[in-house]
């Protein structure tokens, strides 16, 4: 029904920047919320940033001021601009989508690896 494909991950030195993209296809509605999660090895999955249907954005405290989530006009693609990257940002980053009527995140991408050295 919904497919999410992430891209843009890679290896970067501390202080550098990366821009992740998530291309959605299938039955995606403008009312859907989209967001980014990350999971580091042996650690709990955490919500990094989310963009809801009314334009509200939310960020984890650890990334506020450094990361920015954005969506295209059609609201089928979501980006995560990551600046001033730190080694603790190293994780697999997942794109996710939540229906307006849902209480949980319904669809997930395959993930893209972000590795920050030093």
Protein backbone atom coordinates (compact mmCIF):
# COMPACT_ATOMS: atom_id res chain seq x y z
CA UNK A 1 0.00 0.00 0.00
CA UNK A 2 2.81 2.40 0.93
CA UNK A 3 6.48 2.17 0.08
CA UNK A 4 9.15 4.36 1.65
CA UNK A 5 12.70 4.46 0.31
CA UNK A 6 15.45 6.33 2.12
CA UNK A 7 18.63 7.67 0.57
CA UNK A 8 21.48 10.00 1.42
CA UNK A 9 23.21 8.14 4.21
CA UNK A 10 26.94 7.67 4.31
CA UNK A 11 30.17 8.30 6.16
CA UNK A 12 30.99 11.80 7.33
CA UNK A 13 33.41 13.37 9.78
CA UNK A 14 32.23 15.05 12.94
CA UNK A 15 31.01 18.56 12.21
CA UNK A 16 29.93 17.66 8.71
CA UNK A 17 26.49 17.53 7.13
CA UNK A 18 24.25 15.05 5.39
CA UNK A 19 20.82 15.34 3.83
CA UNK A 20 18.57 12.30 3.99
CA UNK A 21 15.62 11.86 1.68
CA UNK A 22 12.61 9.57 1.84
CA UNK A 23 10.57 9.04 -1.31
CA UNK A 24 7.07 7.79 -0.71
CA UNK A 25 4.90 5.96 -3.20
CA UNK A 26 1.54 4.24 -3.17
CA UNK A 27 -1.42 5.43 -1.14
CA UNK A 28 0.03 8.46 0.57
CA UNK A 29 -2.27 11.23 1.71
CA UNK A 30 -1.48 14.84 2.50
CA UNK A 31 -2.90 14.23 5.97
CA UNK A 32 -0.29 11.57 6.76
CA UNK A 33 2.43 12.38 9.22
CA UNK A 34 5.96 11.48 8.22
CA UNK A 35 9.05 11.28 10.33
CA UNK A 36 12.52 9.96 10.94
CA UNK A 37 13.62 7.42 13.53
CA UNK A 38 17.10 6.18 14.25
CA UNK A 39 18.55 3.17 15.99
CA UNK A 40 22.14 2.72 17.03
CA UNK A 41 23.55 -0.76 17.74
CA UNK A 42 22.41 -2.00 21.13
CA UNK A 43 20.33 1.11 21.75
CA UNK A 44 16.67 1.98 21.85
CA UNK A 45 14.95 3.22 18.71
CA UNK A 46 14.16 6.91 19.01
CA UNK A 47 12.11 9.43 17.12
CA UNK A 48 14.43 12.03 15.64
CA UNK A 49 11.97 14.34 13.91
CA UNK A 50 8.38 14.31 12.71
CA UNK A 51 6.19 16.42 10.47
CA UNK A 52 2.45 16.19 11.04
CA UNK A 53 -0.46 17.00 8.74
CA UNK A 54 -0.96 20.46 10.20
CA UNK A 55 2.67 21.43 9.66
CA UNK A 56 3.78 20.91 13.23
CA UNK A 57 7.33 19.64 13.59
CA UNK A 58 8.87 17.83 16.52
CA UNK A 59 12.51 17.10 17.27
CA UNK A 60 14.40 15.04 19.77
CA UNK A 61 16.19 17.27 22.25
CA UNK A 62 19.52 15.85 21.13
CA UNK A 63 19.11 17.18 17.57
CA UNK A 64 17.31 20.48 18.09
CA UNK A 65 19.15 23.29 16.37
CA UNK A 66 21.13 20.86 14.22
CA UNK A 67 18.56 18.85 12.25
CA UNK A 68 15.67 20.11 10.13
CA UNK A 69 12.80 18.07 8.74
CA UNK A 70 10.98 19.23 5.62
CA UNK A 71 8.48 17.92 3.07
CA UNK A 72 7.82 18.74 -0.54
CA UNK A 73 4.66 20.49 -1.70
CA UNK A 74 2.96 17.22 -2.62
CA UNK A 75 3.92 15.88 0.82
CA UNK A 76 5.13 12.56 -0.61
CA UNK A 77 8.79 13.17 0.10
CA UNK A 78 10.41 14.04 3.40
CA UNK A 79 13.97 15.22 4.03
CA UNK A 80 16.20 15.44 7.05
CA UNK A 81 18.97 18.01 6.88
CA UNK A 82 21.61 17.07 9.43
CA UNK A 83 24.25 19.64 10.33
CA UNK A 84 27.02 19.69 12.91
CA UNK A 85 26.98 15.92 13.04
CA UNK A 86 28.39 14.17 16.08
CA UNK A 87 29.64 10.60 16.53
CA UNK A 88 26.60 9.90 18.70
CA UNK A 89 24.42 10.54 15.64
CA UNK A 90 25.73 7.31 14.14
CA UNK A 91 22.76 5.02 13.54
CA UNK A 92 20.48 3.50 10.97
CA UNK A 93 17.92 6.13 10.07
CA UNK A 94 14.41 5.04 9.13
CA UNK A 95 11.66 6.96 7.40
CA UNK A 96 8.17 6.31 8.75
CA UNK A 97 4.58 7.26 7.95
CA UNK A 98 1.53 7.48 10.18
CA UNK A 99 -2.07 7.78 9.07
CA UNK A 100 -4.15 10.61 10.49
CA UNK A 101 -6.40 8.15 12.30
CA UNK A 102 -3.59 5.94 13.58
CA UNK A 103 -2.07 5.96 17.04
CA UNK A 104 1.19 4.42 15.88
CA UNK A 105 3.59 4.57 12.94
CA UNK A 106 2.22 2.34 10.19
CA UNK A 107 4.86 2.10 7.46
CA UNK A 108 8.63 2.02 7.49
CA UNK A 109 11.45 2.32 5.02
CA UNK A 110 14.40 -0.04 4.82
CA UNK A 111 16.76 2.34 6.58
CA UNK A 112 19.93 4.13 5.60
CA UNK A 113 23.20 4.01 7.52
CA UNK A 114 24.72 7.22 8.85
CA UNK A 115 28.21 6.95 10.29
CA UNK A 116 29.95 9.93 11.88
CA UNK A 117 33.66 9.47 12.54
CA UNK A 118 35.79 11.01 15.29
